[in-house]
Amino acid sequence: MIWESTLRKVDNGYICTTTNAEDEDLLSSLMENVFENPTDDDEGDMASFIAAVWHLVEYFGVLGSKHDEKRFWCGFIDRDGKPIES
């Protein structure tokens, strides 16, 4: 099994290309996902990047479950370091 991903920054967000192939025929299994900035500021750029990272976490299956002692998390935090619900 071949698992591969690339993440490209473009003017209005990010493009994630993933491959999930049983053999070397990679072209038949390419998928592109676009994560567009919701706004034209730094917060919009961070939001689209966070969405792309979550896509990669799900693609590679490394999120973990609610029963795990430690799990992956990615998102906004406030000035006090507390997660901001989206």
N, C-alpha and C. Protein backbone atom coordinates (compact mmCIF):
# COMPACT_ATOMS: atom_id res chain seq x y z
N MET A 1 0.84 -1.18 0.00
CA MET A 1 0.00 0.00 0.00
C MET A 1 0.89 1.24 0.00
N ILE A 2 0.56 2.21 -0.81
CA ILE A 2 1.32 3.45 -0.91
C ILE A 2 0.46 4.60 -0.40
N TRP A 3 0.95 5.29 0.61
CA TRP A 3 0.28 6.46 1.17
C TRP A 3 1.23 7.64 0.98
N GLU A 4 0.76 8.66 0.30
CA GLU A 4 1.62 9.80 0.04
C GLU A 4 0.77 11.06 -0.01
N SER A 5 1.35 12.18 0.44
CA SER A 5 0.62 13.43 0.44
C SER A 5 1.58 14.60 0.25
N THR A 6 1.11 15.62 -0.45
CA THR A 6 1.84 16.88 -0.56
C THR A 6 0.88 18.01 -0.22
N LEU A 7 1.42 19.05 0.38
CA LEU A 7 0.63 20.22 0.74
C LEU A 7 1.32 21.44 0.12
N ARG A 8 0.57 22.15 -0.74
CA ARG A 8 1.11 23.33 -1.42
C ARG A 8 0.38 24.57 -0.96
N LYS A 9 1.15 25.63 -0.70
CA LYS A 9 0.56 26.94 -0.38
C LYS A 9 0.30 27.66 -1.70
N VAL A 10 -0.91 28.18 -1.85
CA VAL A 10 -1.27 28.99 -3.01
C VAL A 10 -1.79 30.33 -2.49
N ASP A 11 -2.07 31.26 -3.41
CA ASP A 11 -2.46 32.62 -3.00
C ASP A 11 -3.65 32.66 -2.05
N ASN A 12 -4.62 31.77 -2.25
CA ASN A 12 -5.85 31.85 -1.46
C ASN A 12 -6.06 30.66 -0.54
N GLY A 13 -4.99 29.95 -0.17
CA GLY A 13 -5.13 28.83 0.74
C GLY A 13 -4.09 27.75 0.50
N TYR A 14 -4.54 26.49 0.54
CA TYR A 14 -3.66 25.35 0.41
C TYR A 14 -4.32 24.29 -0.48
N ILE A 15 -3.48 23.55 -1.19
CA ILE A 15 -3.94 22.42 -1.98
C ILE A 15 -3.22 21.19 -1.47
N CYS A 16 -3.99 20.19 -1.09
CA CYS A 16 -3.44 18.93 -0.59
C CYS A 16 -3.70 17.84 -1.63
N THR A 17 -2.64 17.21 -2.09
CA THR A 17 -2.75 16.11 -3.04
C THR A 17 -2.39 14.83 -2.30
N THR A 18 -3.27 13.84 -2.36
CA THR A 18 -3.04 12.58 -1.67
C THR A 18 -3.12 11.42 -2.65
N THR A 19 -2.41 10.36 -2.30
CA THR A 19 -2.40 9.13 -3.08
C THR A 19 -2.65 7.98 -2.12
N ASN A 20 -3.51 7.10 -2.53
CA ASN A 20 -3.79 5.90 -1.75
C ASN A 20 -3.90 4.77 -2.76
N ALA A 21 -2.78 4.11 -3.03
CA ALA A 21 -2.74 3.12 -4.11
C ALA A 21 -2.34 1.75 -3.58
N GLU A 22 -2.91 0.74 -4.18
CA GLU A 22 -2.55 -0.64 -3.86
C GLU A 22 -1.25 -1.03 -4.54
N ASP A 23 -0.90 -0.35 -5.63
CA ASP A 23 0.29 -0.71 -6.39
C ASP A 23 1.00 0.56 -6.86
N GLU A 24 1.82 0.44 -7.86
CA GLU A 24 2.60 1.58 -8.35
C GLU A 24 1.82 2.50 -9.29
N ASP A 25 0.54 2.20 -9.57
CA ASP A 25 -0.26 3.03 -10.46
C ASP A 25 -0.79 4.24 -9.70
N LEU A 26 0.12 5.15 -9.36
CA LEU A 26 -0.21 6.29 -8.50
C LEU A 26 -1.16 7.28 -9.17
N LEU A 27 -1.05 7.46 -10.48
CA LEU A 27 -1.87 8.47 -11.14
C LEU A 27 -3.35 8.16 -11.04
N SER A 28 -3.72 6.90 -10.98
CA SER A 28 -5.14 6.56 -10.93
C SER A 28 -5.75 6.83 -9.56
N SER A 29 -4.93 7.10 -8.56
CA SER A 29 -5.46 7.27 -7.21
C SER A 29 -5.16 8.65 -6.62
N LEU A 30 -4.80 9.62 -7.45
CA LEU A 30 -4.54 10.97 -6.96
C LEU A 30 -5.84 11.70 -6.65
N MET A 31 -5.86 12.37 -5.51
CA MET A 31 -7.00 13.21 -5.15
C MET A 31 -6.47 14.56 -4.70
N GLU A 32 -7.14 15.63 -5.11
CA GLU A 32 -6.77 16.98 -4.67
C GLU A 32 -7.90 17.57 -3.85
N ASN A 33 -7.53 18.15 -2.73
CA ASN A 33 -8.48 18.87 -1.88
C ASN A 33 -7.98 20.30 -1.73
N VAL A 34 -8.90 21.25 -1.89
CA VAL A 34 -8.57 22.66 -1.78
C VAL A 34 -9.09 23.19 -0.45
N PHE A 35 -8.23 23.89 0.27
CA PHE A 35 -8.60 24.50 1.54
C PHE A 35 -8.42 26.00 1.38
N GLU A 36 -9.51 26.67 1.06
CA GLU A 36 -9.49 28.09 0.72
C GLU A 36 -9.60 28.95 1.97
N ASN A 37 -8.85 30.05 2.00
CA ASN A 37 -8.92 30.98 3.12
C ASN A 37 -10.32 31.57 3.20
N PRO A 38 -10.97 31.49 4.38
CA PRO A 38 -12.30 32.07 4.51
C PRO A 38 -12.28 33.60 4.55
N THR A 39 -11.14 34.18 4.92
CA THR A 39 -10.99 35.64 4.95
C THR A 39 -9.60 35.98 4.40
N ASP A 40 -9.37 37.25 4.09
CA ASP A 40 -8.09 37.67 3.51
C ASP A 40 -7.09 38.16 4.55
N ASP A 41 -7.13 37.66 5.76
CA ASP A 41 -6.19 38.08 6.78
C ASP A 41 -5.42 36.87 7.31
N ASP A 42 -4.56 37.10 8.29
CA ASP A 42 -3.77 36.00 8.86
C ASP A 42 -4.64 34.92 9.49
N GLU A 43 -5.75 35.33 10.09
CA GLU A 43 -6.64 34.34 10.72
C GLU A 43 -7.23 33.41 9.67
N GLY A 44 -7.58 33.96 8.50
CA GLY A 44 -8.11 33.12 7.43
C GLY A 44 -7.07 32.15 6.91
N ASP A 45 -5.82 32.59 6.82
CA ASP A 45 -4.74 31.71 6.38
C ASP A 45 -4.52 30.59 7.40
N MET A 46 -4.54 30.94 8.68
CA MET A 46 -4.38 29.91 9.72
C MET A 46 -5.54 28.93 9.70
N ALA A 47 -6.76 29.42 9.48
CA ALA A 47 -7.94 28.55 9.46
C ALA A 47 -7.85 27.54 8.31
N SER A 48 -7.41 27.99 7.13
CA SER A 48 -7.30 27.06 6.01
C SER A 48 -6.16 26.07 6.25
N PHE A 49 -5.09 26.49 6.88
CA PHE A 49 -3.99 25.58 7.19
C PHE A 49 -4.43 24.53 8.21
N ILE A 50 -5.16 24.96 9.24
CA ILE A 50 -5.66 24.02 10.24
C ILE A 50 -6.58 22.99 9.58
N ALA A 51 -7.44 23.43 8.67
CA ALA A 51 -8.32 22.50 7.95
C ALA A 51 -7.50 21.49 7.14
N ALA A 52 -6.43 21.96 6.51
CA ALA A 52 -5.57 21.05 5.73
C ALA A 52 -4.87 20.05 6.64
N VAL A 53 -4.41 20.49 7.80
CA VAL A 53 -3.75 19.59 8.75
C VAL A 53 -4.72 18.53 9.24
N TRP A 54 -5.95 18.94 9.57
CA TRP A 54 -6.96 17.96 10.00
C TRP A 54 -7.23 16.94 8.90
N HIS A 55 -7.25 17.39 7.65
CA HIS A 55 -7.42 16.47 6.52
C HIS A 55 -6.29 15.43 6.51
N LEU A 56 -5.06 15.88 6.71
CA LEU A 56 -3.92 14.96 6.72
C LEU A 56 -3.97 13.99 7.90
N VAL A 57 -4.40 14.47 9.05
CA VAL A 57 -4.52 13.61 10.23
C VAL A 57 -5.53 12.49 9.95
N GLU A 58 -6.65 12.84 9.34
CA GLU A 58 -7.65 11.83 9.00
C GLU A 58 -7.15 10.89 7.91
N TYR A 59 -6.47 11.45 6.91
CA TYR A 59 -5.95 10.65 5.81
C TYR A 59 -4.98 9.58 6.30
N PHE A 60 -4.06 9.98 7.17
CA PHE A 60 -3.07 9.02 7.67
C PHE A 60 -3.57 8.23 8.88
N GLY A 61 -4.73 8.58 9.41
CA GLY A 61 -5.34 7.82 10.49
C GLY A 61 -4.59 7.90 11.81
N VAL A 62 -4.12 9.09 12.17
CA VAL A 62 -3.33 9.23 13.39
C VAL A 62 -4.02 10.06 14.46
N LEU A 63 -5.32 10.22 14.36
CA LEU A 63 -6.04 11.04 15.32
C LEU A 63 -6.08 10.42 16.71
N GLY A 64 -6.33 9.14 16.80
CA GLY A 64 -6.50 8.49 18.09
C GLY A 64 -7.97 8.49 18.47
N SER A 65 -8.27 7.91 19.61
CA SER A 65 -9.66 7.85 20.06
C SER A 65 -9.80 8.59 21.39
N LYS A 66 -11.04 8.76 21.81
CA LYS A 66 -11.29 9.47 23.08
C LYS A 66 -10.77 8.67 24.27
N HIS A 67 -10.45 7.41 24.07
CA HIS A 67 -9.96 6.57 25.16
C HIS A 67 -8.44 6.62 25.29
N ASP A 68 -7.76 7.20 24.31
CA ASP A 68 -6.30 7.31 24.37
C ASP A 68 -5.88 8.36 25.39
N GLU A 69 -4.75 8.10 26.03
CA GLU A 69 -4.23 9.06 27.01
C GLU A 69 -3.83 10.36 26.34
N LYS A 70 -3.26 10.27 25.14
CA LYS A 70 -2.85 11.45 24.38
C LYS A 70 -3.44 11.33 22.98
N ARG A 71 -3.92 12.46 22.47
CA ARG A 71 -4.47 12.50 21.12
C ARG A 71 -3.94 13.74 20.42
N PHE A 72 -4.03 13.71 19.10
CA PHE A 72 -3.63 14.85 18.30
C PHE A 72 -4.68 15.95 18.43
N TRP A 73 -4.23 17.21 18.44
CA TRP A 73 -5.13 18.35 18.41
C TRP A 73 -4.44 19.48 17.65
N CYS A 74 -5.20 20.20 16.86
CA CYS A 74 -4.69 21.35 16.13
C CYS A 74 -5.82 22.36 16.02
N GLY A 75 -5.57 23.61 16.38
CA GLY A 75 -6.61 24.63 16.29
C GLY A 75 -6.13 25.93 16.90
N PHE A 76 -7.06 26.85 17.03
CA PHE A 76 -6.75 28.16 17.59
C PHE A 76 -6.75 28.11 19.12
N ILE A 77 -5.89 28.91 19.73
CA ILE A 77 -5.91 29.10 21.18
C ILE A 77 -5.99 30.60 21.43
N ASP A 78 -6.54 30.97 22.59
CA ASP A 78 -6.61 32.38 22.93
C ASP A 78 -5.29 32.82 23.59
N ARG A 79 -5.23 34.04 24.02
CA ARG A 79 -3.99 34.56 24.61
C ARG A 79 -3.60 33.85 25.89
N ASP A 80 -4.57 33.23 26.55
CA ASP A 80 -4.29 32.48 27.78
C ASP A 80 -3.92 31.02 27.50
N GLY A 81 -3.90 30.64 26.23
CA GLY A 81 -3.53 29.27 25.87
C GLY A 81 -4.69 28.30 25.89
N LYS A 82 -5.91 28.81 25.99
CA LYS A 82 -7.09 27.93 26.02
C LYS A 82 -7.63 27.75 24.61
N PRO A 83 -8.01 26.51 24.24
CA PRO A 83 -8.54 26.26 22.89
C PRO A 83 -9.81 27.08 22.62
N ILE A 84 -9.93 27.57 21.41
CA ILE A 84 -11.12 28.31 20.97
C ILE A 84 -11.96 27.37 20.14
N GLU A 85 -13.21 27.22 20.53
CA GLU A 85 -14.14 26.38 19.77
C GLU A 85 -14.42 27.03 18.42
N SER A 86 -14.43 26.21 17.38
CA SER A 86 -14.71 26.79 16.04
C SER A 86 -16.13 26.56 15.61
